[in-house]
């Protein structure tokens, strides 16, 4: 299949969107004439951000990339089968980022299943940049929930929104230290 001129879809839950995601988006936008970032509902997960807010955060960050590069990037929430979404937006390529060997095992199986569902859709893999290989949304959520610094993993707007959401979810109580019961 000739990928020249094909639109691509980069799917994910983006909860939250990380600097690693944005790196893949920027690189994919350089090689595809049109990139649709598909923000998935993913019923198997309990997201920190609702779907529309995740799409809004991705849109804010991809607008910056599009202005800087001149790329055509769209952000669309979706629910259901990825191949059905790819068909609906008239794309022919699924873009996936790979960080570690475990990602490859999962993504290899998913690419095979998607090819069986629609042999006309190709999956291409982009390796994560070295500085982003260890970043995952799951780890970012865990670090933030435990009070760690996530500022090097997410863009400033995402950091601000995550911290605000965590403050609402867990209002700070009087800090008595780890051994406050000691007498």
N, C-alpha and C. Protein backbone atom coordinates (compact mmCIF):
# COMPACT_ATOMS: atom_id res chain seq x y z
N UNK A 1 0.84 -1.19 0.00
CA UNK A 1 0.00 0.00 0.00
C UNK A 1 0.88 1.24 0.00
N UNK A 2 0.54 2.20 -0.81
CA UNK A 2 1.24 3.47 -0.88
C UNK A 2 0.70 4.40 0.22
N UNK A 3 1.58 4.79 1.15
CA UNK A 3 1.14 5.65 2.25
C UNK A 3 1.23 7.14 1.91
N UNK A 4 1.87 7.46 0.78
CA UNK A 4 1.99 8.86 0.40
C UNK A 4 0.59 9.45 0.20
N UNK A 5 0.34 10.56 0.84
CA UNK A 5 -0.93 11.24 0.69
C UNK A 5 -2.04 10.72 1.58
N UNK A 6 -1.76 9.71 2.40
CA UNK A 6 -2.78 9.14 3.27
C UNK A 6 -2.88 9.95 4.56
N UNK A 7 -4.10 10.09 5.04
CA UNK A 7 -4.32 10.69 6.36
C UNK A 7 -4.06 9.62 7.40
N UNK A 8 -3.63 10.04 8.58
CA UNK A 8 -3.35 9.11 9.65
C UNK A 8 -4.14 9.44 10.90
N UNK A 9 -4.35 8.41 11.71
CA UNK A 9 -5.01 8.57 13.00
C UNK A 9 -4.04 8.14 14.09
N UNK A 10 -3.85 9.01 15.06
CA UNK A 10 -3.06 8.66 16.25
C UNK A 10 -4.06 8.55 17.41
N UNK A 11 -4.42 7.31 17.79
CA UNK A 11 -5.43 7.13 18.83
C UNK A 11 -4.83 6.99 20.23
N UNK A 12 -5.62 7.33 21.22
CA UNK A 12 -5.22 7.12 22.60
C UNK A 12 -6.26 7.70 23.54
N UNK A 13 -6.10 7.39 24.82
CA UNK A 13 -7.00 7.99 25.80
C UNK A 13 -6.48 9.36 26.24
N UNK A 14 -5.17 9.55 26.19
CA UNK A 14 -4.56 10.85 26.51
C UNK A 14 -5.04 11.37 27.87
N UNK A 15 -4.89 10.53 28.88
CA UNK A 15 -5.35 10.87 30.22
C UNK A 15 -4.20 10.79 31.22
N UNK A 16 -3.34 11.79 31.25
CA UNK A 16 -3.34 13.04 30.50
C UNK A 16 -2.48 12.92 29.25
N UNK A 17 -2.58 13.92 28.37
CA UNK A 17 -1.67 14.00 27.24
C UNK A 17 -0.30 14.36 27.81
N UNK A 18 0.73 13.64 27.36
CA UNK A 18 2.08 13.84 27.88
C UNK A 18 2.99 14.44 26.82
N UNK A 19 4.17 14.84 27.23
CA UNK A 19 5.16 15.33 26.28
C UNK A 19 5.56 14.22 25.30
N UNK A 20 5.49 12.98 25.73
CA UNK A 20 5.76 11.85 24.84
C UNK A 20 4.72 11.76 23.73
N UNK A 21 3.45 11.91 24.09
CA UNK A 21 2.39 11.92 23.07
C UNK A 21 2.63 13.05 22.08
N UNK A 22 2.95 14.22 22.60
CA UNK A 22 3.12 15.39 21.74
C UNK A 22 4.32 15.23 20.81
N UNK A 23 5.34 14.54 21.27
CA UNK A 23 6.50 14.24 20.42
C UNK A 23 6.07 13.37 19.24
N UNK A 24 5.30 12.32 19.51
CA UNK A 24 4.82 11.43 18.44
C UNK A 24 3.90 12.21 17.49
N UNK A 25 3.02 13.03 18.03
CA UNK A 25 2.12 13.82 17.19
C UNK A 25 2.91 14.74 16.26
N UNK A 26 3.88 15.44 16.81
CA UNK A 26 4.69 16.34 15.99
C UNK A 26 5.44 15.62 14.90
N UNK A 27 5.99 14.46 15.21
CA UNK A 27 6.75 13.70 14.22
C UNK A 27 5.83 13.09 13.17
N UNK A 28 4.66 12.59 13.59
CA UNK A 28 3.70 12.02 12.64
C UNK A 28 3.18 13.10 11.70
N UNK A 29 2.97 14.29 12.22
CA UNK A 29 2.46 15.39 11.40
C UNK A 29 3.46 15.81 10.33
N UNK A 30 4.73 15.53 10.54
CA UNK A 30 5.75 15.85 9.53
C UNK A 30 5.72 14.88 8.36
N UNK A 31 5.17 13.66 8.57
CA UNK A 31 5.22 12.66 7.50
C UNK A 31 3.86 12.36 6.89
N UNK A 32 2.80 12.87 7.49
CA UNK A 32 1.45 12.65 6.96
C UNK A 32 0.82 14.00 6.59
N UNK A 33 0.08 14.06 5.49
CA UNK A 33 -0.52 15.34 5.10
C UNK A 33 -1.64 15.79 6.04
N UNK A 34 -2.25 14.84 6.73
CA UNK A 34 -3.34 15.14 7.66
C UNK A 34 -3.26 14.13 8.80
N UNK A 35 -3.28 14.63 10.03
CA UNK A 35 -3.23 13.77 11.20
C UNK A 35 -4.45 14.04 12.07
N UNK A 36 -5.18 12.98 12.37
CA UNK A 36 -6.33 13.09 13.26
C UNK A 36 -5.93 12.43 14.57
N UNK A 37 -5.97 13.18 15.65
CA UNK A 37 -5.69 12.62 16.96
C UNK A 37 -7.04 12.17 17.51
N UNK A 38 -7.20 10.86 17.65
CA UNK A 38 -8.44 10.28 18.13
C UNK A 38 -8.40 10.08 19.63
N UNK A 39 -9.20 10.83 20.35
CA UNK A 39 -9.25 10.73 21.81
C UNK A 39 -10.36 9.74 22.17
N UNK A 40 -9.93 8.59 22.70
CA UNK A 40 -10.86 7.48 22.93
C UNK A 40 -11.49 7.53 24.32
N UNK A 41 -12.73 7.06 24.39
CA UNK A 41 -13.42 6.99 25.68
C UNK A 41 -12.80 5.92 26.56
N UNK A 42 -12.53 4.75 26.05
CA UNK A 42 -11.94 3.60 26.75
C UNK A 42 -12.69 3.27 28.03
N UNK A 43 -13.73 2.48 27.88
CA UNK A 43 -14.59 2.12 29.01
C UNK A 43 -13.87 1.29 30.06
N UNK A 44 -12.74 0.71 29.73
CA UNK A 44 -12.01 -0.11 30.69
C UNK A 44 -11.21 0.69 31.71
N UNK A 45 -11.13 1.98 31.53
CA UNK A 45 -10.34 2.83 32.43
C UNK A 45 -11.24 3.86 33.09
N UNK A 46 -10.82 4.32 34.26
CA UNK A 46 -11.50 5.42 34.93
C UNK A 46 -10.61 6.65 34.76
N UNK A 47 -10.94 7.52 33.81
CA UNK A 47 -10.05 8.65 33.53
C UNK A 47 -10.11 9.74 34.60
N UNK A 48 -9.02 10.46 34.70
CA UNK A 48 -8.99 11.64 35.57
C UNK A 48 -9.81 12.76 34.92
N UNK A 49 -9.65 12.92 33.61
CA UNK A 49 -10.36 13.96 32.87
C UNK A 49 -11.49 13.35 32.06
N UNK A 50 -12.64 14.03 32.00
CA UNK A 50 -13.70 13.56 31.11
C UNK A 50 -13.25 13.69 29.64
N UNK A 51 -13.91 12.96 28.77
CA UNK A 51 -13.54 12.90 27.36
C UNK A 51 -13.38 14.27 26.72
N UNK A 52 -14.35 15.14 26.89
CA UNK A 52 -14.30 16.46 26.24
C UNK A 52 -13.13 17.30 26.74
N UNK A 53 -12.81 17.18 28.03
CA UNK A 53 -11.68 17.95 28.55
C UNK A 53 -10.36 17.39 28.04
N UNK A 54 -10.26 16.06 27.91
CA UNK A 54 -9.06 15.45 27.33
C UNK A 54 -8.88 15.95 25.90
N UNK A 55 -9.97 15.97 25.13
CA UNK A 55 -9.89 16.46 23.74
C UNK A 55 -9.48 17.94 23.72
N UNK A 56 -10.02 18.72 24.63
CA UNK A 56 -9.68 20.15 24.71
C UNK A 56 -8.20 20.34 25.00
N UNK A 57 -7.66 19.56 25.95
CA UNK A 57 -6.24 19.68 26.29
C UNK A 57 -5.35 19.24 25.12
N UNK A 58 -5.72 18.16 24.45
CA UNK A 58 -4.96 17.72 23.29
C UNK A 58 -5.02 18.79 22.20
N UNK A 59 -6.20 19.34 21.97
CA UNK A 59 -6.39 20.37 20.95
C UNK A 59 -5.52 21.59 21.24
N UNK A 60 -5.48 22.03 22.49
CA UNK A 60 -4.67 23.19 22.86
C UNK A 60 -3.20 22.96 22.53
N UNK A 61 -2.72 21.77 22.81
CA UNK A 61 -1.31 21.46 22.57
C UNK A 61 -1.02 21.22 21.10
N UNK A 62 -1.95 20.58 20.38
CA UNK A 62 -1.70 20.31 18.96
C UNK A 62 -1.87 21.56 18.11
N UNK A 63 -2.67 22.51 18.57
CA UNK A 63 -2.77 23.79 17.86
C UNK A 63 -1.41 24.47 17.82
N UNK A 64 -0.67 24.38 18.90
CA UNK A 64 0.69 24.95 18.96
C UNK A 64 1.59 24.26 17.93
N UNK A 65 1.52 22.93 17.88
CA UNK A 65 2.34 22.17 16.93
C UNK A 65 1.96 22.52 15.50
N UNK A 66 0.66 22.60 15.22
CA UNK A 66 0.19 22.91 13.87
C UNK A 66 0.66 24.31 13.42
N UNK A 67 0.57 25.28 14.33
CA UNK A 67 1.02 26.64 13.98
C UNK A 67 2.53 26.66 13.72
N UNK A 68 3.27 25.93 14.54
CA UNK A 68 4.72 25.92 14.41
C UNK A 68 5.18 25.21 13.13
N UNK A 69 4.49 24.13 12.77
CA UNK A 69 4.94 23.30 11.65
C UNK A 69 4.15 23.48 10.37
N UNK A 70 2.98 24.12 10.46
CA UNK A 70 2.12 24.22 9.29
C UNK A 70 1.37 22.94 9.00
N UNK A 71 1.41 21.99 9.92
CA UNK A 71 0.75 20.70 9.73
C UNK A 71 -0.76 20.82 9.89
N UNK A 72 -1.46 19.91 9.27
CA UNK A 72 -2.93 19.83 9.41
C UNK A 72 -3.23 18.77 10.46
N UNK A 73 -3.60 19.21 11.66
CA UNK A 73 -3.87 18.31 12.78
C UNK A 73 -5.29 18.57 13.27
N UNK A 74 -6.06 17.51 13.41
CA UNK A 74 -7.42 17.60 13.94
C UNK A 74 -7.51 16.73 15.18
N UNK A 75 -8.37 17.10 16.10
CA UNK A 75 -8.59 16.32 17.32
C UNK A 75 -10.06 15.95 17.36
N UNK A 76 -10.33 14.64 17.47
CA UNK A 76 -11.71 14.14 17.46
C UNK A 76 -11.90 13.09 18.54
N UNK A 77 -12.84 13.32 19.45
CA UNK A 77 -13.18 12.25 20.41
C UNK A 77 -13.87 11.11 19.65
N UNK A 78 -13.68 9.88 20.13
CA UNK A 78 -14.39 8.76 19.51
C UNK A 78 -14.64 7.66 20.52
N UNK A 79 -15.62 6.83 20.14
CA UNK A 79 -16.02 5.69 20.95
C UNK A 79 -16.20 4.53 19.97
N UNK A 80 -15.83 3.35 20.37
CA UNK A 80 -16.03 2.20 19.50
C UNK A 80 -14.75 1.69 18.90
N UNK A 81 -14.89 0.89 17.85
CA UNK A 81 -13.74 0.28 17.19
C UNK A 81 -12.86 1.32 16.50
N UNK A 82 -11.57 1.18 16.68
CA UNK A 82 -10.63 2.09 16.05
C UNK A 82 -10.74 2.04 14.53
N UNK A 83 -10.83 0.84 13.94
CA UNK A 83 -10.89 0.77 12.48
C UNK A 83 -12.15 1.47 11.95
N UNK A 84 -13.24 1.42 12.67
CA UNK A 84 -14.46 2.12 12.25
C UNK A 84 -14.23 3.63 12.29
N UNK A 85 -13.52 4.11 13.31
CA UNK A 85 -13.20 5.53 13.40
C UNK A 85 -12.28 5.95 12.25
N UNK A 86 -11.27 5.13 11.98
CA UNK A 86 -10.33 5.42 10.89
C UNK A 86 -11.08 5.54 9.57
N UNK A 87 -11.99 4.63 9.32
CA UNK A 87 -12.82 4.69 8.11
C UNK A 87 -13.67 5.96 8.10
N UNK A 88 -14.29 6.28 9.24
CA UNK A 88 -15.20 7.43 9.32
C UNK A 88 -14.50 8.76 9.02
N UNK A 89 -13.23 8.87 9.41
CA UNK A 89 -12.49 10.12 9.15
C UNK A 89 -11.71 10.04 7.84
N UNK A 90 -11.94 8.97 7.09
CA UNK A 90 -11.33 8.76 5.78
C UNK A 90 -9.80 8.77 5.83
N UNK A 91 -9.27 8.04 6.80
CA UNK A 91 -7.83 7.88 6.92
C UNK A 91 -7.46 6.46 6.47
N UNK A 92 -6.19 6.24 6.25
CA UNK A 92 -5.74 4.92 5.84
C UNK A 92 -4.59 4.39 6.66
N UNK A 93 -4.19 5.18 7.68
CA UNK A 93 -3.02 4.82 8.48
C UNK A 93 -3.34 5.01 9.97
N UNK A 94 -2.92 4.05 10.77
CA UNK A 94 -2.97 4.18 12.22
C UNK A 94 -1.52 4.40 12.68
N UNK A 95 -1.29 5.44 13.45
CA UNK A 95 0.03 5.74 13.98
C UNK A 95 0.07 5.30 15.44
N UNK A 96 1.09 4.56 15.79
CA UNK A 96 1.27 4.13 17.18
C UNK A 96 2.69 4.43 17.61
N UNK A 97 2.84 4.85 18.86
CA UNK A 97 4.16 5.10 19.42
C UNK A 97 4.62 3.89 20.21
N UNK A 98 5.91 3.60 20.12
CA UNK A 98 6.49 2.49 20.88
C UNK A 98 7.56 3.04 21.82
N UNK A 99 7.48 2.63 23.09
CA UNK A 99 8.47 3.06 24.08
C UNK A 99 9.39 1.91 24.46
N UNK A 100 8.81 0.79 24.79
CA UNK A 100 9.57 -0.35 25.31
C UNK A 100 9.10 -1.64 24.63
N UNK A 101 9.81 -2.73 24.88
CA UNK A 101 9.48 -4.02 24.27
C UNK A 101 8.05 -4.44 24.60
N UNK A 102 7.59 -4.20 25.81
CA UNK A 102 6.23 -4.57 26.19
C UNK A 102 5.21 -3.87 25.30
N UNK A 103 5.46 -2.62 24.93
CA UNK A 103 4.58 -1.91 24.00
C UNK A 103 4.50 -2.66 22.67
N UNK A 104 5.66 -3.12 22.19
CA UNK A 104 5.68 -3.80 20.90
C UNK A 104 4.81 -5.05 20.92
N UNK A 105 4.90 -5.85 21.95
CA UNK A 105 4.08 -7.07 22.04
C UNK A 105 2.59 -6.75 21.91
N UNK A 106 2.13 -5.79 22.68
CA UNK A 106 0.73 -5.40 22.65
C UNK A 106 0.36 -4.81 21.29
N UNK A 107 1.17 -3.86 20.81
CA UNK A 107 0.87 -3.17 19.56
C UNK A 107 0.93 -4.10 18.35
N UNK A 108 1.82 -5.08 18.38
CA UNK A 108 1.92 -6.06 17.30
C UNK A 108 0.62 -6.85 17.20
N UNK A 109 0.10 -7.27 18.34
CA UNK A 109 -1.17 -8.01 18.35
C UNK A 109 -2.32 -7.12 17.87
N UNK A 110 -2.35 -5.89 18.34
CA UNK A 110 -3.41 -4.96 17.95
C UNK A 110 -3.35 -4.66 16.46
N UNK A 111 -2.15 -4.47 15.92
CA UNK A 111 -2.01 -4.21 14.48
C UNK A 111 -2.52 -5.39 13.67
N UNK A 112 -2.23 -6.60 14.14
CA UNK A 112 -2.72 -7.80 13.45
C UNK A 112 -4.23 -7.88 13.47
N UNK A 113 -4.84 -7.60 14.60
CA UNK A 113 -6.30 -7.63 14.71
C UNK A 113 -6.93 -6.56 13.81
N UNK A 114 -6.36 -5.36 13.84
CA UNK A 114 -6.90 -4.28 13.00
C UNK A 114 -6.76 -4.62 11.52
N UNK A 115 -5.66 -5.27 11.13
CA UNK A 115 -5.46 -5.66 9.73
C UNK A 115 -6.49 -6.70 9.32
N UNK A 116 -6.87 -7.57 10.24
CA UNK A 116 -7.91 -8.56 9.93
C UNK A 116 -9.27 -7.90 9.78
N UNK A 117 -9.52 -6.88 10.62
CA UNK A 117 -10.80 -6.16 10.55
C UNK A 117 -10.91 -5.29 9.30
N UNK A 118 -9.77 -4.73 8.87
CA UNK A 118 -9.76 -3.92 7.66
C UNK A 118 -8.36 -3.94 7.05
N UNK A 119 -8.14 -4.82 6.07
CA UNK A 119 -6.82 -4.94 5.46
C UNK A 119 -6.36 -3.69 4.71
N UNK A 120 -7.25 -2.76 4.47
CA UNK A 120 -6.89 -1.53 3.76
C UNK A 120 -6.29 -0.47 4.66
N UNK A 121 -6.26 -0.72 5.95
CA UNK A 121 -5.70 0.25 6.90
C UNK A 121 -4.34 -0.27 7.36
N UNK A 122 -3.32 0.56 7.19
CA UNK A 122 -1.97 0.20 7.60
C UNK A 122 -1.67 0.78 8.99
N UNK A 123 -0.85 0.08 9.76
CA UNK A 123 -0.37 0.59 11.04
C UNK A 123 1.11 0.89 10.90
N UNK A 124 1.51 2.09 11.32
CA UNK A 124 2.92 2.45 11.32
C UNK A 124 3.32 2.78 12.76
N UNK A 125 4.55 2.43 13.10
CA UNK A 125 5.05 2.63 14.44
C UNK A 125 6.16 3.67 14.44
N UNK A 126 6.09 4.58 15.40
CA UNK A 126 7.16 5.55 15.62
C UNK A 126 7.77 5.27 16.98
N UNK A 127 9.07 5.16 17.00
CA UNK A 127 9.76 4.94 18.27
C UNK A 127 9.74 6.24 19.08
N UNK A 128 9.52 6.11 20.36
CA UNK A 128 9.56 7.28 21.24
C UNK A 128 10.98 7.85 21.24
N UNK A 129 11.06 9.16 21.28
CA UNK A 129 12.36 9.80 21.41
C UNK A 129 12.99 9.38 22.72
N UNK A 130 14.28 9.35 22.75
CA UNK A 130 15.00 8.87 23.93
C UNK A 130 14.56 9.56 25.22
N UNK A 131 14.34 10.86 25.16
CA UNK A 131 13.99 11.58 26.39
C UNK A 131 12.56 11.33 26.85
N UNK A 132 11.75 10.65 26.02
CA UNK A 132 10.36 10.39 26.37
C UNK A 132 10.04 8.91 26.53
N UNK A 133 11.02 8.03 26.40
CA UNK A 133 10.75 6.59 26.39
C UNK A 133 10.12 6.07 27.68
N UNK A 134 10.37 6.69 28.77
CA UNK A 134 9.88 6.18 30.06
C UNK A 134 8.56 6.80 30.48
N UNK A 135 8.06 7.78 29.75
CA UNK A 135 6.84 8.49 30.15
C UNK A 135 5.61 7.69 29.76
N UNK A 136 4.72 7.50 30.72
CA UNK A 136 3.41 6.91 30.43
C UNK A 136 2.37 7.69 31.22
N UNK A 137 1.18 7.79 30.65
CA UNK A 137 0.10 8.51 31.33
C UNK A 137 -0.19 7.89 32.69
N UNK A 138 -0.13 6.57 32.76
CA UNK A 138 -0.41 5.88 34.02
C UNK A 138 0.57 6.31 35.11
N UNK A 139 1.87 6.35 34.78
CA UNK A 139 2.86 6.77 35.77
C UNK A 139 2.68 8.24 36.13
N UNK A 140 2.36 9.07 35.16
CA UNK A 140 2.14 10.49 35.42
C UNK A 140 0.98 10.67 36.40
N UNK A 141 -0.12 9.93 36.18
CA UNK A 141 -1.27 10.02 37.10
C UNK A 141 -0.87 9.57 38.50
N UNK A 142 -0.14 8.48 38.60
CA UNK A 142 0.27 7.96 39.92
C UNK A 142 1.19 8.93 40.64
N UNK A 143 2.18 9.45 39.93
CA UNK A 143 3.13 10.39 40.54
C UNK A 143 2.38 11.63 41.03
N UNK A 144 1.49 12.16 40.20
CA UNK A 144 0.73 13.36 40.57
C UNK A 144 -0.15 13.08 41.78
N UNK A 145 -0.83 11.94 41.80
CA UNK A 145 -1.73 11.60 42.91
C UNK A 145 -0.96 11.47 44.22
N UNK A 146 0.31 11.09 44.13
CA UNK A 146 1.13 10.94 45.34
C UNK A 146 1.93 12.20 45.67
N UNK A 147 1.63 13.29 44.96
CA UNK A 147 2.25 14.58 45.28
C UNK A 147 3.59 14.82 44.62
N UNK A 148 3.98 13.98 43.65
CA UNK A 148 5.26 14.16 42.97
C UNK A 148 5.21 15.22 41.89
N UNK A 149 6.37 15.63 41.44
CA UNK A 149 6.51 16.67 40.43
C UNK A 149 6.40 16.05 39.03
N UNK A 150 5.37 16.41 38.27
CA UNK A 150 5.18 15.88 36.92
C UNK A 150 5.47 16.94 35.86
N UNK A 151 6.04 18.06 36.25
CA UNK A 151 6.21 19.19 35.32
C UNK A 151 7.09 18.88 34.13
N UNK A 152 7.98 17.92 34.22
CA UNK A 152 8.82 17.58 33.07
C UNK A 152 8.17 16.55 32.15
N UNK A 153 7.01 16.05 32.54
CA UNK A 153 6.34 15.00 31.76
C UNK A 153 5.14 15.50 30.95
N UNK A 154 4.59 16.65 31.35
CA UNK A 154 3.38 17.17 30.71
C UNK A 154 3.55 18.66 30.41
N UNK A 155 2.79 19.17 29.44
CA UNK A 155 2.84 20.61 29.16
C UNK A 155 2.23 21.41 30.31
N UNK A 156 2.56 22.70 30.40
CA UNK A 156 2.08 23.54 31.52
C UNK A 156 0.57 23.54 31.73
N UNK A 157 -0.22 23.63 30.65
CA UNK A 157 -1.68 23.66 30.81
C UNK A 157 -2.18 22.35 31.43
N UNK A 158 -1.64 21.24 31.00
CA UNK A 158 -2.04 19.93 31.55
C UNK A 158 -1.63 19.85 33.02
N UNK A 159 -0.44 20.31 33.34
CA UNK A 159 0.02 20.33 34.73
C UNK A 159 -0.95 21.13 35.60
N UNK A 160 -1.30 22.32 35.14
CA UNK A 160 -2.22 23.18 35.89
C UNK A 160 -3.56 22.49 36.12
N UNK A 161 -4.11 21.89 35.07
CA UNK A 161 -5.42 21.23 35.17
C UNK A 161 -5.35 20.00 36.07
N UNK A 162 -4.28 19.23 35.95
CA UNK A 162 -4.16 18.03 36.79
C UNK A 162 -4.07 18.39 38.26
N UNK A 163 -3.24 19.38 38.56
CA UNK A 163 -3.08 19.77 39.96
C UNK A 163 -4.39 20.32 40.52
N UNK A 164 -5.11 21.10 39.73
CA UNK A 164 -6.40 21.62 40.18
C UNK A 164 -7.39 20.48 40.42
N UNK A 165 -7.43 19.52 39.53
CA UNK A 165 -8.35 18.39 39.67
C UNK A 165 -7.99 17.55 40.90
N UNK A 166 -6.71 17.34 41.12
CA UNK A 166 -6.29 16.56 42.29
C UNK A 166 -6.58 17.30 43.59
N UNK A 167 -6.44 18.63 43.58
CA UNK A 167 -6.77 19.41 44.78
C UNK A 167 -8.25 19.30 45.11
N UNK A 168 -9.11 19.32 44.07
CA UNK A 168 -10.56 19.17 44.30
C UNK A 168 -10.89 17.77 44.81
N UNK A 169 -10.19 16.80 44.28
CA UNK A 169 -10.45 15.41 44.65
C UNK A 169 -9.93 15.09 46.05
N UNK A 170 -8.77 15.64 46.38
CA UNK A 170 -8.14 15.38 47.68
C UNK A 170 -7.73 16.71 48.31
N UNK A 171 -8.68 17.44 48.89
CA UNK A 171 -8.31 18.72 49.50
C UNK A 171 -7.23 18.48 50.56
N UNK A 172 -6.25 19.37 50.59
CA UNK A 172 -5.15 19.17 51.52
C UNK A 172 -5.64 19.28 52.96
N UNK A 173 -5.18 18.35 53.73
CA UNK A 173 -5.49 18.39 55.15
C UNK A 173 -4.25 18.87 55.88
N UNK A 174 -4.41 19.14 57.13
CA UNK A 174 -3.29 19.62 57.93
C UNK A 174 -2.17 18.59 57.86
N UNK A 175 -0.98 19.02 57.44
CA UNK A 175 0.16 18.11 57.31
C UNK A 175 0.79 17.91 58.67
N UNK A 176 0.61 16.74 59.20
CA UNK A 176 1.17 16.44 60.52
C UNK A 176 2.42 15.60 60.43
N UNK A 177 2.85 15.28 59.21
CA UNK A 177 4.05 14.47 59.06
C UNK A 177 3.73 13.00 59.17
N UNK A 178 4.72 12.16 58.82
CA UNK A 178 4.49 10.72 58.78
C UNK A 178 4.35 10.08 60.15
N UNK A 179 4.80 10.73 61.19
CA UNK A 179 4.77 10.13 62.53
C UNK A 179 4.02 11.01 63.52
N UNK A 180 2.91 11.56 63.09
CA UNK A 180 2.19 12.52 63.93
C UNK A 180 1.58 11.89 65.19
N UNK A 181 1.44 10.57 65.21
CA UNK A 181 0.88 9.91 66.38
C UNK A 181 1.88 9.79 67.52
N UNK A 182 3.16 9.95 67.22
CA UNK A 182 4.20 9.74 68.25
C UNK A 182 4.02 10.72 69.38
N UNK A 183 4.20 10.24 70.56
CA UNK A 183 4.08 11.07 71.74
C UNK A 183 5.38 11.14 72.47
